[in-house]
Amino acid sequence: MTPNRFDRMEWAGAFGDLGTLIPFVVACMAVVRVDPFGILFSFGSAMVACGLYYRTPFPAQPMKAIGAVATTQAAQRATITSAAIYGASLATGVIWLALGLTGTAKYIAGLVPRLVAVGIVLGLGMGFMLQASGP
């Protein structure tokens, strides 16, 4: 097993995800009133564990999706509690862990052509930009 590297590229990867993570974490704390210690400790623990296992910085993208849904729903006065966010996060983590351990995620990724995945990401990005610039 190769040791962890701590060169400038690894540090850049480790901190490169903060630009999108921090707004969701702050929004969850401000809008949904999620306990700061719980959310920051959970994110930190998950990132350190993934970094040690995979030997590289590893973003926590599914958690950002949960944060985005929670804050937008709470802003629209829907009933979103911190317990609902914790439950969604736990369920998401268990599902991704099961998909990864069984090899199902790799199998599904092999079924989807790269151009399709890039098109979906591009479409979502364009949709977010249009939504942000609209009335």
C-alpha atoms as a PDB file:
ATOM      1  CA  MET A   1       0.000   0.000   0.000  1.00  0.00           C
ATOM      2  CA  THR A   2       1.410   3.362  -0.983  1.00  0.00           C
ATOM      3  CA  PRO A   3       1.664   6.066   1.676  1.00  0.00           C
ATOM      4  CA  ASN A   4      -0.416   9.224   1.528  1.00  0.00           C
ATOM      5  CA  ARG A   5       1.103  12.125  -0.392  1.00  0.00           C
ATOM      6  CA  PHE A   6       0.807  15.646   0.909  1.00  0.00           C
ATOM      7  CA  ASP A   7       1.970  17.706  -2.069  1.00  0.00           C
ATOM      8  CA  ARG A   8       0.292  20.875  -3.367  1.00  0.00           C
ATOM      9  CA  MET A   9      -2.041  18.943  -5.698  1.00  0.00           C
ATOM     10  CA  GLU A  10      -3.387  16.850  -2.801  1.00  0.00           C
ATOM     11  CA  TRP A  11      -3.945  19.957  -0.703  1.00  0.00           C
ATOM     12  CA  ALA A  12      -5.705  21.648  -3.625  1.00  0.00           C
ATOM     13  CA  GLY A  13      -7.981  18.618  -4.021  1.00  0.00           C
ATOM     14  CA  ALA A  14      -8.687  18.514  -0.309  1.00  0.00           C
ATOM     15  CA  PHE A  15      -9.805  22.148  -0.196  1.00  0.00           C
ATOM     16  CA  GLY A  16     -11.243  22.443  -3.704  1.00  0.00           C
ATOM     17  CA  ASP A  17     -14.622  21.137  -2.620  1.00  0.00           C
ATOM     18  CA  LEU A  18     -15.126  23.743   0.098  1.00  0.00           C
ATOM     19  CA  GLY A  19     -16.530  26.355  -2.287  1.00  0.00           C
ATOM     20  CA  THR A  20     -19.697  24.344  -2.730  1.00  0.00           C
ATOM     21  CA  LEU A  21     -19.731  22.545   0.623  1.00  0.00           C
ATOM     22  CA  ILE A  22     -19.596  25.578   2.910  1.00  0.00           C
ATOM     23  CA  PRO A  23     -22.724  27.335   1.533  1.00  0.00           C
ATOM     24  CA  PHE A  24     -24.812  24.189   2.028  1.00  0.00           C
ATOM     25  CA  VAL A  25     -23.493  23.616   5.530  1.00  0.00           C
ATOM     26  CA  VAL A  26     -24.112  27.231   6.524  1.00  0.00           C
ATOM     27  CA  ALA A  27     -27.592  27.101   4.980  1.00  0.00           C
ATOM     28  CA  CYS A  28     -28.432  23.913   6.891  1.00  0.00           C
ATOM     29  CA  MET A  29     -27.271  25.506  10.124  1.00  0.00           C
ATOM     30  CA  ALA A  30     -29.091  28.801   9.507  1.00  0.00           C
ATOM     31  CA  VAL A  31     -32.326  27.714   7.827  1.00  0.00           C
ATOM     32  CA  VAL A  32     -32.963  24.234   9.214  1.00  0.00           C
ATOM     33  CA  ARG A  33     -31.198  24.829  12.543  1.00  0.00           C
ATOM     34  CA  VAL A  34     -28.953  21.775  12.262  1.00  0.00           C
ATOM     35  CA  ASP A  35     -26.436  21.445  15.089  1.00  0.00           C
ATOM     36  CA  PRO A  36     -23.052  22.744  13.800  1.00  0.00           C
ATOM     37  CA  PHE A  37     -21.026  20.171  15.746  1.00  0.00           C
ATOM     38  CA  GLY A  38     -22.977  17.251  14.345  1.00  0.00           C
ATOM     39  CA  ILE A  39     -22.794  18.286  10.710  1.00  0.00           C
ATOM     40  CA  LEU A  40     -19.151  19.426  10.782  1.00  0.00           C
ATOM     41  CA  PHE A  41     -17.980  16.396  12.771  1.00  0.00           C
ATOM     42  CA  SER A  42     -19.825  14.030  10.431  1.00  0.00           C
ATOM     43  CA  PHE A  43     -18.416  15.646   7.279  1.00  0.00           C
ATOM     44  CA  GLY A  44     -14.928  15.812   8.731  1.00  0.00           C
ATOM     45  CA  SER A  45     -14.947  12.208   9.908  1.00  0.00           C
ATOM     46  CA  ALA A  46     -16.245  10.952   6.579  1.00  0.00           C
ATOM     47  CA  MET A  47     -13.671  12.908   4.591  1.00  0.00           C
ATOM     48  CA  VAL A  48     -10.755  11.831   6.794  1.00  0.00           C
ATOM     49  CA  ALA A  49     -11.850   8.185   6.662  1.00  0.00           C
ATOM     50  CA  CYS A  50     -12.275   8.265   2.873  1.00  0.00           C
ATOM     51  CA  GLY A  51      -8.975  10.080   2.456  1.00  0.00           C
ATOM     52  CA  LEU A  52      -7.112   7.511   4.532  1.00  0.00           C
ATOM     53  CA  TYR A  53      -8.769   4.584   2.754  1.00  0.00           C
ATOM     54  CA  TYR A  54      -8.529   5.839  -0.834  1.00  0.00           C
ATOM     55  CA  ARG A  55      -5.273   7.783  -0.324  1.00  0.00           C
ATOM     56  CA  THR A  56      -6.729  10.854  -2.009  1.00  0.00           C
ATOM     57  CA  PRO A  57      -9.154  13.688  -1.198  1.00  0.00           C
ATOM     58  CA  PHE A  58     -12.704  12.507  -1.719  1.00  0.00           C
ATOM     59  CA  PRO A  59     -15.705  14.840  -2.105  1.00  0.00           C
ATOM     60  CA  ALA A  60     -18.990  14.145  -0.383  1.00  0.00           C
ATOM     61  CA  GLN A  61     -21.369  15.006  -3.220  1.00  0.00           C
ATOM     62  CA  PRO A  62     -24.517  13.148  -2.030  1.00  0.00           C
ATOM     63  CA  MET A  63     -24.494  15.166   1.146  1.00  0.00           C
ATOM     64  CA  LYS A  64     -24.585  18.391  -0.844  1.00  0.00           C
ATOM     65  CA  ALA A  65     -27.698  17.154  -2.615  1.00  0.00           C
ATOM     66  CA  ILE A  66     -29.371  16.497   0.736  1.00  0.00           C
ATOM     67  CA  GLY A  67     -28.328  19.966   1.942  1.00  0.00           C
ATOM     68  CA  ALA A  68     -29.712  21.610  -1.187  1.00  0.00           C
ATOM     69  CA  VAL A  69     -33.092  19.900  -0.870  1.00  0.00           C
ATOM     70  CA  ALA A  70     -33.326  20.571   2.851  1.00  0.00           C
ATOM     71  CA  THR A  71     -32.553  24.270   2.613  1.00  0.00           C
ATOM     72  CA  THR A  72     -34.814  24.938  -0.365  1.00  0.00           C
ATOM     73  CA  GLN A  73     -37.693  23.059   1.226  1.00  0.00           C
ATOM     74  CA  ALA A  74     -37.198  24.818   4.552  1.00  0.00           C
ATOM     75  CA  ALA A  75     -37.056  28.183   2.791  1.00  0.00           C
ATOM     76  CA  GLN A  76     -40.464  27.381   1.260  1.00  0.00           C
ATOM     77  CA  ARG A  77     -41.838  26.753   4.759  1.00  0.00           C
ATOM     78  CA  ALA A  78     -42.026  22.988   4.312  1.00  0.00           C
ATOM     79  CA  THR A  79     -41.592  20.884   7.421  1.00  0.00           C
ATOM     80  CA  ILE A  80     -37.960  19.807   7.282  1.00  0.00           C
ATOM     81  CA  THR A  81     -36.376  18.924  10.603  1.00  0.00           C
ATOM     82  CA  SER A  82     -32.794  18.155  11.466  1.00  0.00           C
ATOM     83  CA  ALA A  83     -33.891  14.583  12.205  1.00  0.00           C
ATOM     84  CA  ALA A  84     -35.148  14.257   8.618  1.00  0.00           C
ATOM     85  CA  ILE A  85     -31.780  15.455   7.334  1.00  0.00           C
ATOM     86  CA  TYR A  86     -29.925  13.017   9.587  1.00  0.00           C
ATOM     87  CA  GLY A  87     -32.172  10.178   8.410  1.00  0.00           C
ATOM     88  CA  ALA A  88     -31.708  11.062   4.736  1.00  0.00           C
ATOM     89  CA  SER A  89     -27.954  11.301   5.224  1.00  0.00           C
ATOM     90  CA  LEU A  90     -27.794   7.953   6.985  1.00  0.00           C
ATOM     91  CA  ALA A  91     -29.933   6.263   4.332  1.00  0.00           C
ATOM     92  CA  THR A  92     -27.830   7.772   1.531  1.00  0.00           C
ATOM     93  CA  GLY A  93     -24.625   6.636   3.206  1.00  0.00           C
ATOM     94  CA  VAL A  94     -25.900   3.090   3.700  1.00  0.00           C
ATOM     95  CA  ILE A  95     -27.092   2.855   0.088  1.00  0.00           C
ATOM     96  CA  TRP A  96     -23.767   4.111  -1.344  1.00  0.00           C
ATOM     97  CA  LEU A  97     -21.821   1.813   0.979  1.00  0.00           C
ATOM     98  CA  ALA A  98     -23.870  -1.188  -0.148  1.00  0.00           C
ATOM     99  CA  LEU A  99     -23.546  -0.223  -3.827  1.00  0.00           C
ATOM    100  CA  GLY A 100     -19.796   0.175  -3.442  1.00  0.00           C
ATOM    101  CA  LEU A 101     -19.151  -2.997  -1.436  1.00  0.00           C
ATOM    102  CA  THR A 102     -21.200  -5.209  -3.743  1.00  0.00           C
ATOM    103  CA  GLY A 103     -19.705  -3.763  -6.925  1.00  0.00           C
ATOM    104  CA  THR A 104     -23.130  -2.665  -8.149  1.00  0.00           C
ATOM    105  CA  ALA A 105     -22.027   0.970  -8.510  1.00  0.00           C
ATOM    106  CA  LYS A 106     -19.168  -0.049 -10.797  1.00  0.00           C
ATOM    107  CA  TYR A 107     -21.495  -2.253 -12.835  1.00  0.00           C
ATOM    108  CA  ILE A 108     -24.067   0.523 -13.281  1.00  0.00           C
ATOM    109  CA  ALA A 109     -21.330   3.029 -14.151  1.00  0.00           C
ATOM    110  CA  GLY A 110     -20.192   0.634 -16.894  1.00  0.00           C
ATOM    111  CA  LEU A 111     -23.692   0.619 -18.383  1.00  0.00           C
ATOM    112  CA  VAL A 112     -23.864   4.401 -18.742  1.00  0.00           C
ATOM    113  CA  PRO A 113     -21.732   5.886 -21.543  1.00  0.00           C
ATOM    114  CA  ARG A 114     -19.437   8.717 -20.477  1.00  0.00           C
ATOM    115  CA  LEU A 115     -21.107  11.168 -22.886  1.00  0.00           C
ATOM    116  CA  VAL A 116     -24.476  10.540 -21.242  1.00  0.00           C
ATOM    117  CA  ALA A 117     -23.050  11.278 -17.784  1.00  0.00           C
ATOM    118  CA  VAL A 118     -21.348  14.440 -19.048  1.00  0.00           C
ATOM    119  CA  GLY A 119     -24.585  15.528 -20.739  1.00  0.00           C
ATOM    120  CA  ILE A 120     -26.574  15.078 -17.528  1.00  0.00           C
ATOM    121  CA  VAL A 121     -24.051  17.101 -15.530  1.00  0.00           C
ATOM    122  CA  LEU A 122     -23.996  19.812 -18.199  1.00  0.00           C
ATOM    123  CA  GLY A 123     -27.794  19.911 -18.315  1.00  0.00           C
ATOM    124  CA  LEU A 124     -28.052  20.218 -14.538  1.00  0.00           C
ATOM    125  CA  GLY A 125     -25.453  22.974 -14.518  1.00  0.00           C
ATOM    126  CA  MET A 126     -27.276  24.901 -17.234  1.00  0.00           C
ATOM    127  CA  GLY A 127     -30.582  24.418 -15.432  1.00  0.00           C
ATOM    128  CA  PHE A 128     -29.118  25.782 -12.187  1.00  0.00           C
ATOM    129  CA  MET A 129     -27.677  28.791 -14.012  1.00  0.00           C
ATOM    130  CA  LEU A 130     -31.000  29.546 -15.706  1.00  0.00           C
ATOM    131  CA  GLN A 131     -32.877  29.144 -12.452  1.00  0.00           C
ATOM    132  CA  ALA A 132     -30.457  31.416 -10.620  1.00  0.00           C
ATOM    133  CA  SER A 133     -30.690  34.135 -13.250  1.00  0.00           C
ATOM    134  CA  GLY A 134     -34.484  33.999 -13.560  1.00  0.00           C
ATOM    135  CA  PRO A 135     -37.108  35.986 -11.625  1.00  0.00           C
END
